[in-house]
Amino acid sequence: MDLIENLLKFGDLEWDKPHVGVEQKFYSDGKTRIRLLRFYDDFVEEHWCTKGHIGYVLDGEMTIDFNGELKNYQKGDGLWIVKGEQSKHKVLIEKGKHVELVLFESEE
């Protein structure tokens, strides 16, 4: 991965498929990670996530379940999820839908 003059070239990175229904490309400097993510309708998040995320939806749409409170995000929307149990969440993708987004995350 070349980081030239602060230019991150996602096109030079290979897609990683960490779970069914999700693929990602990411770069990390050990403190902060940037991820290009694609979620598809066969993605099922089994556990609640308590990590913090800051991001932007590039394409498609998704719903995030914040412990029973559902919020819809679509192309052009930003998101800011605070780290912690009070913000636990799961991504939901409707049948026939997908989402592509970029996330900025602390690795601490």
Foldseek 3Di string as FASTA:
>chain_A
DDCPPNDDDQVVFDWDDPDPQKIWGWDDPQWKMKIKMKGAQVDDDPDWAQFWKWKAWQAWKKWKQQPNDIDIDGHGDIDTFHGDPNRTIDIHADHPTMTIMMIMGTPD
